[in-house]
């Protein structure tokens, strides 16, 4: 399992270049699931946006969501095109 985003990513807005790069990375690595834990929030703006509003791609299907003492946990299934 690889860590995404990288530990020291460049900063960008939700619709910026890093956002598009993240979607390309997900496609290239043939990711099956994407897990977000609020406790893991990084400084990458699109990660918080995805946690709050969902992944803005029709291939991302939210399959699990819960609130814990340490924050929300979301799991998305990635459905290739």
C-alpha atoms as a PDB file:
ATOM      1  CA  UNK A   1       0.000   0.000   0.000  1.00  0.00           C
ATOM      2  CA  UNK A   2       1.436   3.336  -1.039  1.00  0.00           C
ATOM      3  CA  UNK A   3       1.001   6.555   0.882  1.00  0.00           C
ATOM      4  CA  UNK A   4      -0.899   9.265  -0.963  1.00  0.00           C
ATOM      5  CA  UNK A   5      -0.519  12.151  -0.932  1.00  0.00           C
ATOM      6  CA  UNK A   6       3.250  12.305  -0.605  1.00  0.00           C
ATOM      7  CA  UNK A   7       4.575  13.591   2.720  1.00  0.00           C
ATOM      8  CA  UNK A   8       5.606  17.000   1.322  1.00  0.00           C
ATOM      9  CA  UNK A   9       3.273  17.773  -1.587  1.00  0.00           C
ATOM     10  CA  UNK A  10       3.098  21.168  -3.255  1.00  0.00           C
ATOM     11  CA  UNK A  11       0.086  23.259  -2.289  1.00  0.00           C
ATOM     12  CA  UNK A  12      -2.717  23.893  -4.741  1.00  0.00           C
ATOM     13  CA  UNK A  13      -6.416  24.610  -4.897  1.00  0.00           C
ATOM     14  CA  UNK A  14      -9.052  21.886  -5.284  1.00  0.00           C
ATOM     15  CA  UNK A  15      -9.162  22.211  -9.055  1.00  0.00           C
ATOM     16  CA  UNK A  16      -5.448  22.739  -9.553  1.00  0.00           C
ATOM     17  CA  UNK A  17      -2.662  20.748 -11.126  1.00  0.00           C
ATOM     18  CA  UNK A  18      -2.029  18.537  -8.087  1.00  0.00           C
ATOM     19  CA  UNK A  19      -5.727  17.621  -8.065  1.00  0.00           C
ATOM     20  CA  UNK A  20      -5.515  16.464 -11.687  1.00  0.00           C
ATOM     21  CA  UNK A  21      -2.245  14.685 -10.956  1.00  0.00           C
ATOM     22  CA  UNK A  22      -3.888  12.790  -8.077  1.00  0.00           C
ATOM     23  CA  UNK A  23      -6.644  11.519 -10.374  1.00  0.00           C
ATOM     24  CA  UNK A  24      -4.043  10.436 -12.965  1.00  0.00           C
ATOM     25  CA  UNK A  25      -2.075   8.660 -10.230  1.00  0.00           C
ATOM     26  CA  UNK A  26      -5.210   6.798  -9.104  1.00  0.00           C
ATOM     27  CA  UNK A  27      -5.846   5.699 -12.703  1.00  0.00           C
ATOM     28  CA  UNK A  28      -2.250   4.676 -13.391  1.00  0.00           C
ATOM     29  CA  UNK A  29      -1.859   2.634 -10.191  1.00  0.00           C
ATOM     30  CA  UNK A  30      -5.181   0.866 -10.803  1.00  0.00           C
ATOM     31  CA  UNK A  31      -6.412   1.748  -7.336  1.00  0.00           C
ATOM     32  CA  UNK A  32      -9.425  -0.222  -6.087  1.00  0.00           C
ATOM     33  CA  UNK A  33     -10.226   1.720  -2.907  1.00  0.00           C
ATOM     34  CA  UNK A  34      -9.460   5.167  -1.499  1.00  0.00           C
ATOM     35  CA  UNK A  35      -9.608   5.644   2.270  1.00  0.00           C
ATOM     36  CA  UNK A  36      -9.850   9.002   4.012  1.00  0.00           C
ATOM     37  CA  UNK A  37      -9.527   9.471   7.755  1.00  0.00           C
ATOM     38  CA  UNK A  38     -10.125  12.952   9.052  1.00  0.00           C
ATOM     39  CA  UNK A  39      -7.278  12.373  11.528  1.00  0.00           C
ATOM     40  CA  UNK A  40      -4.941  12.004   8.527  1.00  0.00           C
ATOM     41  CA  UNK A  41      -5.877  15.341   6.983  1.00  0.00           C
ATOM     42  CA  UNK A  42      -2.949  16.833   5.228  1.00  0.00           C
ATOM     43  CA  UNK A  43      -2.188  20.351   4.127  1.00  0.00           C
ATOM     44  CA  UNK A  44      -3.286  19.526   0.569  1.00  0.00           C
ATOM     45  CA  UNK A  45      -6.463  21.561  -0.023  1.00  0.00           C
ATOM     46  CA  UNK A  46      -8.142  19.053  -2.329  1.00  0.00           C
ATOM     47  CA  UNK A  47      -7.912  16.289   0.305  1.00  0.00           C
ATOM     48  CA  UNK A  48     -10.074  18.314   2.718  1.00  0.00           C
ATOM     49  CA  UNK A  49     -12.393  19.175  -0.163  1.00  0.00           C
ATOM     50  CA  UNK A  50     -12.713  15.490  -1.091  1.00  0.00           C
ATOM     51  CA  UNK A  51     -13.394  14.602   2.547  1.00  0.00           C
ATOM     52  CA  UNK A  52     -16.080  17.288   2.832  1.00  0.00           C
ATOM     53  CA  UNK A  53     -17.658  17.078  -0.638  1.00  0.00           C
ATOM     54  CA  UNK A  54     -16.639  13.740  -2.121  1.00  0.00           C
ATOM     55  CA  UNK A  55     -14.239  12.905  -4.916  1.00  0.00           C
ATOM     56  CA  UNK A  56     -15.448  14.855  -7.964  1.00  0.00           C
ATOM     57  CA  UNK A  57     -15.180  11.976 -10.397  1.00  0.00           C
ATOM     58  CA  UNK A  58     -17.951   9.621 -11.528  1.00  0.00           C
ATOM     59  CA  UNK A  59     -15.636   6.629 -10.993  1.00  0.00           C
ATOM     60  CA  UNK A  60     -15.482   7.260  -7.220  1.00  0.00           C
ATOM     61  CA  UNK A  61     -18.314   5.548  -5.335  1.00  0.00           C
ATOM     62  CA  UNK A  62     -18.683   6.151  -1.609  1.00  0.00           C
ATOM     63  CA  UNK A  63     -19.175   2.723  -0.025  1.00  0.00           C
ATOM     64  CA  UNK A  64     -18.553   3.460   3.665  1.00  0.00           C
ATOM     65  CA  UNK A  65     -18.824   6.488   5.924  1.00  0.00           C
ATOM     66  CA  UNK A  66     -18.700   6.738   9.706  1.00  0.00           C
ATOM     67  CA  UNK A  67     -17.935   9.225  12.450  1.00  0.00           C
ATOM     68  CA  UNK A  68     -15.501   8.201  15.168  1.00  0.00           C
ATOM     69  CA  UNK A  69     -13.968   9.921  18.176  1.00  0.00           C
ATOM     70  CA  UNK A  70     -11.006  10.785  15.950  1.00  0.00           C
ATOM     71  CA  UNK A  71     -13.115  12.104  13.079  1.00  0.00           C
ATOM     72  CA  UNK A  72     -14.755  10.797   9.947  1.00  0.00           C
ATOM     73  CA  UNK A  73     -13.664   7.774   7.930  1.00  0.00           C
ATOM     74  CA  UNK A  74     -14.703   7.500   4.282  1.00  0.00           C
ATOM     75  CA  UNK A  75     -14.009   4.649   1.881  1.00  0.00           C
ATOM     76  CA  UNK A  76     -14.503   5.026  -1.852  1.00  0.00           C
ATOM     77  CA  UNK A  77     -14.483   2.239  -4.398  1.00  0.00           C
ATOM     78  CA  UNK A  78     -12.758   3.303  -7.592  1.00  0.00           C
ATOM     79  CA  UNK A  79     -14.602   2.015 -10.656  1.00  0.00           C
ATOM     80  CA  UNK A  80     -12.386   2.190 -13.752  1.00  0.00           C
ATOM     81  CA  UNK A  81     -13.982   3.629 -16.867  1.00  0.00           C
END
